[in-house]
Amino acid sequence: MAVGNTERERDDTAVAEPQDPTDEGREEEESSSGQSTLSVVLAFAANLLVGVLKLVAGLLTGSSAMLAEAAHSVADCTTEVLLFTALRRSVRRPDRDHPFGYGKERFFWSMIAAVSVFVTGATYSIYEGISTVIENPPDPAEEQYAWVAFAVLGLSAIIEGVSWQQAVRQVWGEKRELNLSLRRYLKLSDDPTVKSVLFEDSAALLGLAFAAVGVALHRLTGSSVWDGIASILIGLLLAGVAFSLGSSNKALLIGRSAEPRVLRAIFDHLDAAPEVVAVVDLQSMLTGTDSVLVCARVDFDDELSAADLERTCVRLDNELHEQFNDVDQVFIEPVPRSDPDVRAAVLERYGESLEHLRKTRNADV
């Protein structure tokens, strides 16, 4: 019997609380979503502008590195459109067909964006670079219009830098709020949109540096091989970004667990309840950005009546919603801790009992 998080229980129980998050949690969620939208829109505007400039410079100079950078910007613009789609569609309310909401749409469209980066940007850049290295064509136009390429690269760096600063500002603020290192935050973040913008803008700035070096060496040596090498490096850079974002979104789409510290805190809260003898099993899954589903199997005091058990489950449900703003759905199932099937499932999943959550609650994650 699973008890918890049903409308009937909330309506019939005196201690019932509204299912929606608290006002404070709602404000934080809306603020985070607004910051993500700002990052995406600013990145799109920057990529669209610099993409046009790079294309003009590439056509004037014939530089494969500049053309690769133009393809890079096209890939980034496509990505921003997909990320904006993700932000809009993922906030739809739950319905009969999707009772847990549409939060995972953000993960899906972000995955499509990662594929777009690879197909649109990386593939073309690598192909253009290899063709230039093999053919090594003379191109007097690049000598004549080299100043155009450098001017465009400099202006692009300034424009991309503005978008990059917005993404860094959001990432830095969120990681500081969660008290995580940058590496840990990027690994555990459940908002793929801001991560995508940060990675893309960082790759864009590095790609501009590759293009500048390639154009400069082409002009100094007269060999377009350097231009081709720069184009290949830009393509490999984009492929790396696409692979990193794809791997992250794959984990979110499959159904990643909540952040370890949150999971330990939920365990502690349930374990500390006077009616609870032991938390036998605890599972969680991210159902969207800032949205966590929690399933707990709990051994309750055998002296509790059925009515007491129902009230306890509803109370714990409400407490978890109040204490953890990201907790969206809670399911509590009463089970005996000696149940061999449940114990076997926990050991198979974690390799040990849930006691390790208590022992490691203060560990650095």
Foldseek 3Di string as FASTA:
>chain_A
DKAEDDPVLLVPDPPRDDLAFDPVLVVVVVVLLVLLLVLLVLQLVLLVVLLVLLVVLCVQQVQLLSVLLNLLSVLSNVLSVLQNVLSVQQPDAADPVRNQGRQLSNLVSLLVSLVSLQPRRLVSLLVSLVVCLVVFDQTVSCLVSVVSLVVSLVVSLVSLVVSLVSLCVSLVVVCVVVVHDSVVCLLQAQRLSSVLSNLSSVLSNVLSVLQNVLSVVCNVPVTSNSSSVSSNVSSVSSNVSSVVSNVSSVCQNVWHWHDLLLQLVLLVLQCPDPQFPHFFDWTWTAPHGLAMEIETETAGDPPDDPVRVNNVRHVSNVVSSHVRVSYNHYIYHYDHNPPPVSNVVCCVVPVDTPVVSVVCSPPRD
